[in-house]
Amino acid sequence: LFSKSLTSKTKIKALLDIVANAAEYERIPIRHHEDNILKQ
């Protein structure tokens, strides 16, 4: 997934989007009500 998303012209915002959408982040526990804040 990462290698298909990256090019030599990939900008910082796109890099952050790629990393933030990584499947590994789905397994990180969040604090009570933090999910509501993150949805905003």
PDB file of N, CA and C in Angstrom:
ATOM      1  N   LEU A   1       0.830  -1.197   0.000  1.00  0.00           N
ATOM      2  CA  LEU A   1       0.000   0.000   0.000  1.00  0.00           C
ATOM      3  C   LEU A   1       0.868   1.252   0.000  1.00  0.00           C
ATOM      4  N   PHE A   2       1.849   1.298   0.886  1.00  0.00           N
ATOM      5  CA  PHE A   2       2.678   2.493   0.961  1.00  0.00           C
ATOM      6  C   PHE A   2       3.453   2.732  -0.324  1.00  0.00           C
ATOM      7  N   SER A   3       4.053   1.704  -0.844  1.00  0.00           N
ATOM      8  CA  SER A   3       4.874   1.878  -2.044  1.00  0.00           C
ATOM      9  C   SER A   3       4.044   2.318  -3.240  1.00  0.00           C
ATOM     10  N   LYS A   4       2.780   1.925  -3.302  1.00  0.00           N
ATOM     11  CA  LYS A   4       1.913   2.347  -4.402  1.00  0.00           C
ATOM     12  C   LYS A   4       1.457   3.789  -4.231  1.00  0.00           C
ATOM     13  N   SER A   5       1.465   4.286  -3.002  1.00  0.00           N
ATOM     14  CA  SER A   5       0.987   5.636  -2.716  1.00  0.00           C
ATOM     15  C   SER A   5       2.079   6.690  -2.815  1.00  0.00           C
ATOM     16  N   LEU A   6       3.324   6.281  -2.723  1.00  0.00           N
ATOM     17  CA  LEU A   6       4.430   7.232  -2.701  1.00  0.00           C
ATOM     18  C   LEU A   6       5.042   7.443  -4.073  1.00  0.00           C
ATOM     19  N   THR A   7       5.344   8.690  -4.354  1.00  0.00           N
ATOM     20  CA  THR A   7       6.097   9.037  -5.555  1.00  0.00           C
ATOM     21  C   THR A   7       7.149  10.060  -5.155  1.00  0.00           C
ATOM     22  N   SER A   8       7.989  10.428  -6.080  1.00  0.00           N
ATOM     23  CA  SER A   8       9.013  11.426  -5.776  1.00  0.00           C
ATOM     24  C   SER A   8       8.412  12.810  -5.560  1.00  0.00           C
ATOM     25  N   LYS A   9       7.155  13.006  -5.957  1.00  0.00           N
ATOM     26  CA  LYS A   9       6.507  14.311  -5.805  1.00  0.00           C
ATOM     27  C   LYS A   9       5.453  14.332  -4.698  1.00  0.00           C
ATOM     28  N   THR A  10       5.413  13.292  -3.879  1.00  0.00           N
ATOM     29  CA  THR A  10       4.439  13.232  -2.796  1.00  0.00           C
ATOM     30  C   THR A  10       4.727  14.338  -1.786  1.00  0.00           C
ATOM     31  N   LYS A  11       3.695  15.094  -1.450  1.00  0.00           N
ATOM     32  CA  LYS A  11       3.840  16.218  -0.524  1.00  0.00           C
ATOM     33  C   LYS A  11       3.607  15.758   0.915  1.00  0.00           C
ATOM     34  N   ILE A  12       3.955  16.626   1.857  1.00  0.00           N
ATOM     35  CA  ILE A  12       3.852  16.310   3.280  1.00  0.00           C
ATOM     36  C   ILE A  12       2.421  15.924   3.670  1.00  0.00           C
ATOM     37  N   LYS A  13       1.428  16.678   3.207  1.00  0.00           N
ATOM     38  CA  LYS A  13       0.036  16.368   3.548  1.00  0.00           C
ATOM     39  C   LYS A  13      -0.330  14.964   3.088  1.00  0.00           C
ATOM     40  N   ALA A  14       0.077  14.599   1.896  1.00  0.00           N
ATOM     41  CA  ALA A  14      -0.212  13.258   1.388  1.00  0.00           C
ATOM     42  C   ALA A  14       0.507  12.193   2.221  1.00  0.00           C
ATOM     43  N   LEU A  15       1.726  12.474   2.634  1.00  0.00           N
ATOM     44  CA  LEU A  15       2.452  11.529   3.493  1.00  0.00           C
ATOM     45  C   LEU A  15       1.719  11.323   4.815  1.00  0.00           C
ATOM     46  N   LEU A  16       1.236  12.413   5.392  1.00  0.00           N
ATOM     47  CA  LEU A  16       0.491  12.306   6.642  1.00  0.00           C
ATOM     48  C   LEU A  16      -0.799  11.511   6.452  1.00  0.00           C
ATOM     49  N   ASP A  17      -1.482  11.726   5.339  1.00  0.00           N
ATOM     50  CA  ASP A  17      -2.698  10.961   5.046  1.00  0.00           C
ATOM     51  C   ASP A  17      -2.397   9.475   4.907  1.00  0.00           C
ATOM     52  N   ILE A  18      -1.319   9.150   4.241  1.00  0.00           N
ATOM     53  CA  ILE A  18      -0.931   7.751   4.038  1.00  0.00           C
ATOM     54  C   ILE A  18      -0.642   7.084   5.380  1.00  0.00           C
ATOM     55  N   VAL A  19       0.142   7.760   6.212  1.00  0.00           N
ATOM     56  CA  VAL A  19       0.503   7.191   7.513  1.00  0.00           C
ATOM     57  C   VAL A  19      -0.723   7.101   8.423  1.00  0.00           C
ATOM     58  N   ALA A  20      -1.553   8.140   8.426  1.00  0.00           N
ATOM     59  CA  ALA A  20      -2.734   8.154   9.296  1.00  0.00           C
ATOM     60  C   ALA A  20      -3.737   7.073   8.918  1.00  0.00           C
ATOM     61  N   ASN A  21      -3.754   6.670   7.672  1.00  0.00           N
ATOM     62  CA  ASN A  21      -4.691   5.641   7.225  1.00  0.00           C
ATOM     63  C   ASN A  21      -4.128   4.227   7.322  1.00  0.00           C
ATOM     64  N   ALA A  22      -2.969   4.089   7.937  1.00  0.00           N
ATOM     65  CA  ALA A  22      -2.358   2.770   8.086  1.00  0.00           C
ATOM     66  C   ALA A  22      -3.225   1.887   8.985  1.00  0.00           C
ATOM     67  N   ALA A  23      -3.342   0.639   8.624  1.00  0.00           N
ATOM     68  CA  ALA A  23      -4.177  -0.308   9.372  1.00  0.00           C
ATOM     69  C   ALA A  23      -3.704  -0.476  10.814  1.00  0.00           C
ATOM     70  N   GLU A  24      -2.428  -0.277  11.066  1.00  0.00           N
ATOM     71  CA  GLU A  24      -1.889  -0.445  12.414  1.00  0.00           C
ATOM     72  C   GLU A  24      -2.543   0.503  13.419  1.00  0.00           C
ATOM     73  N   TYR A  25      -2.974   1.662  12.968  1.00  0.00           N
ATOM     74  CA  TYR A  25      -3.592   2.628  13.876  1.00  0.00           C
ATOM     75  C   TYR A  25      -4.972   2.192  14.339  1.00  0.00           C
ATOM     76  N   GLU A  26      -5.614   1.275  13.650  1.00  0.00           N
ATOM     77  CA  GLU A  26      -6.928   0.791  14.070  1.00  0.00           C
ATOM     78  C   GLU A  26      -6.847  -0.009  15.362  1.00  0.00           C
ATOM     79  N   ARG A  27      -5.683  -0.538  15.668  1.00  0.00           N
ATOM     80  CA  ARG A  27      -5.522  -1.374  16.864  1.00  0.00           C
ATOM     81  C   ARG A  27      -5.099  -0.585  18.093  1.00  0.00           C
ATOM     82  N   ILE A  28      -4.807   0.697  17.937  1.00  0.00           N
ATOM     83  CA  ILE A  28      -4.378   1.508  19.076  1.00  0.00           C
ATOM     84  C   ILE A  28      -5.614   1.907  19.886  1.00  0.00           C
ATOM     85  N   PRO A  29      -5.638   1.585  21.184  1.00  0.00           N
ATOM     86  CA  PRO A  29      -6.803   1.948  21.992  1.00  0.00           C
ATOM     87  C   PRO A  29      -6.882   3.463  22.185  1.00  0.00           C
ATOM     88  N   ILE A  30      -8.104   3.967  22.262  1.00  0.00           N
ATOM     89  CA  ILE A  30      -8.292   5.395  22.497  1.00  0.00           C
ATOM     90  C   ILE A  30      -8.974   5.590  23.840  1.00  0.00           C
ATOM     91  N   ARG A  31      -8.865   6.799  24.372  1.00  0.00           N
ATOM     92  CA  ARG A  31      -9.469   7.097  25.672  1.00  0.00           C
ATOM     93  C   ARG A  31     -10.970   7.313  25.541  1.00  0.00           C
ATOM     94  N   HIS A  32     -11.647   7.258  26.660  1.00  0.00           N
ATOM     95  CA  HIS A  32     -13.098   7.437  26.724  1.00  0.00           C
ATOM     96  C   HIS A  32     -13.499   8.764  26.070  1.00  0.00           C
ATOM     97  N   HIS A  33     -14.397   8.734  25.132  1.00  0.00           N
ATOM     98  CA  HIS A  33     -14.936   9.880  24.375  1.00  0.00           C
ATOM     99  C   HIS A  33     -13.940  10.494  23.387  1.00  0.00           C
ATOM    100  N   GLU A  34     -12.736   9.975  23.297  1.00  0.00           N
ATOM    101  CA  GLU A  34     -11.769  10.524  22.356  1.00  0.00           C
ATOM    102  C   GLU A  34     -12.206  10.271  20.913  1.00  0.00           C
ATOM    103  N   ASP A  35     -12.963   9.215  20.678  1.00  0.00           N
ATOM    104  CA  ASP A  35     -13.431   8.930  19.326  1.00  0.00           C
ATOM    105  C   ASP A  35     -14.322  10.051  18.801  1.00  0.00           C
ATOM    106  N   ASN A  36     -15.105  10.682  19.669  1.00  0.00           N
ATOM    107  CA  ASN A  36     -15.947  11.805  19.244  1.00  0.00           C
ATOM    108  C   ASN A  36     -15.108  13.003  18.815  1.00  0.00           C
ATOM    109  N   ILE A  37     -14.034  13.249  19.523  1.00  0.00           N
ATOM    110  CA  ILE A  37     -13.147  14.361  19.188  1.00  0.00           C
ATOM    111  C   ILE A  37     -12.449  14.096  17.861  1.00  0.00           C
ATOM    112  N   LEU A  38     -12.016  12.867  17.656  1.00  0.00           N
ATOM    113  CA  LEU A  38     -11.298  12.528  16.431  1.00  0.00           C
ATOM    114  C   LEU A  38     -12.191  12.584  15.201  1.00  0.00           C
ATOM    115  N   LYS A  39     -13.484  12.380  15.354  1.00  0.00           N
ATOM    116  CA  LYS A  39     -14.410  12.431  14.221  1.00  0.00           C
ATOM    117  C   LYS A  39     -14.617  13.849  13.713  1.00  0.00           C
ATOM    118  N   GLN A  40     -14.330  14.852  14.551  1.00  0.00           N
ATOM    119  CA  GLN A  40     -14.559  16.249  14.157  1.00  0.00           C
ATOM    120  C   GLN A  40     -13.603  16.693  13.139  1.00  0.00           C
TER     121      GLN A  40
END
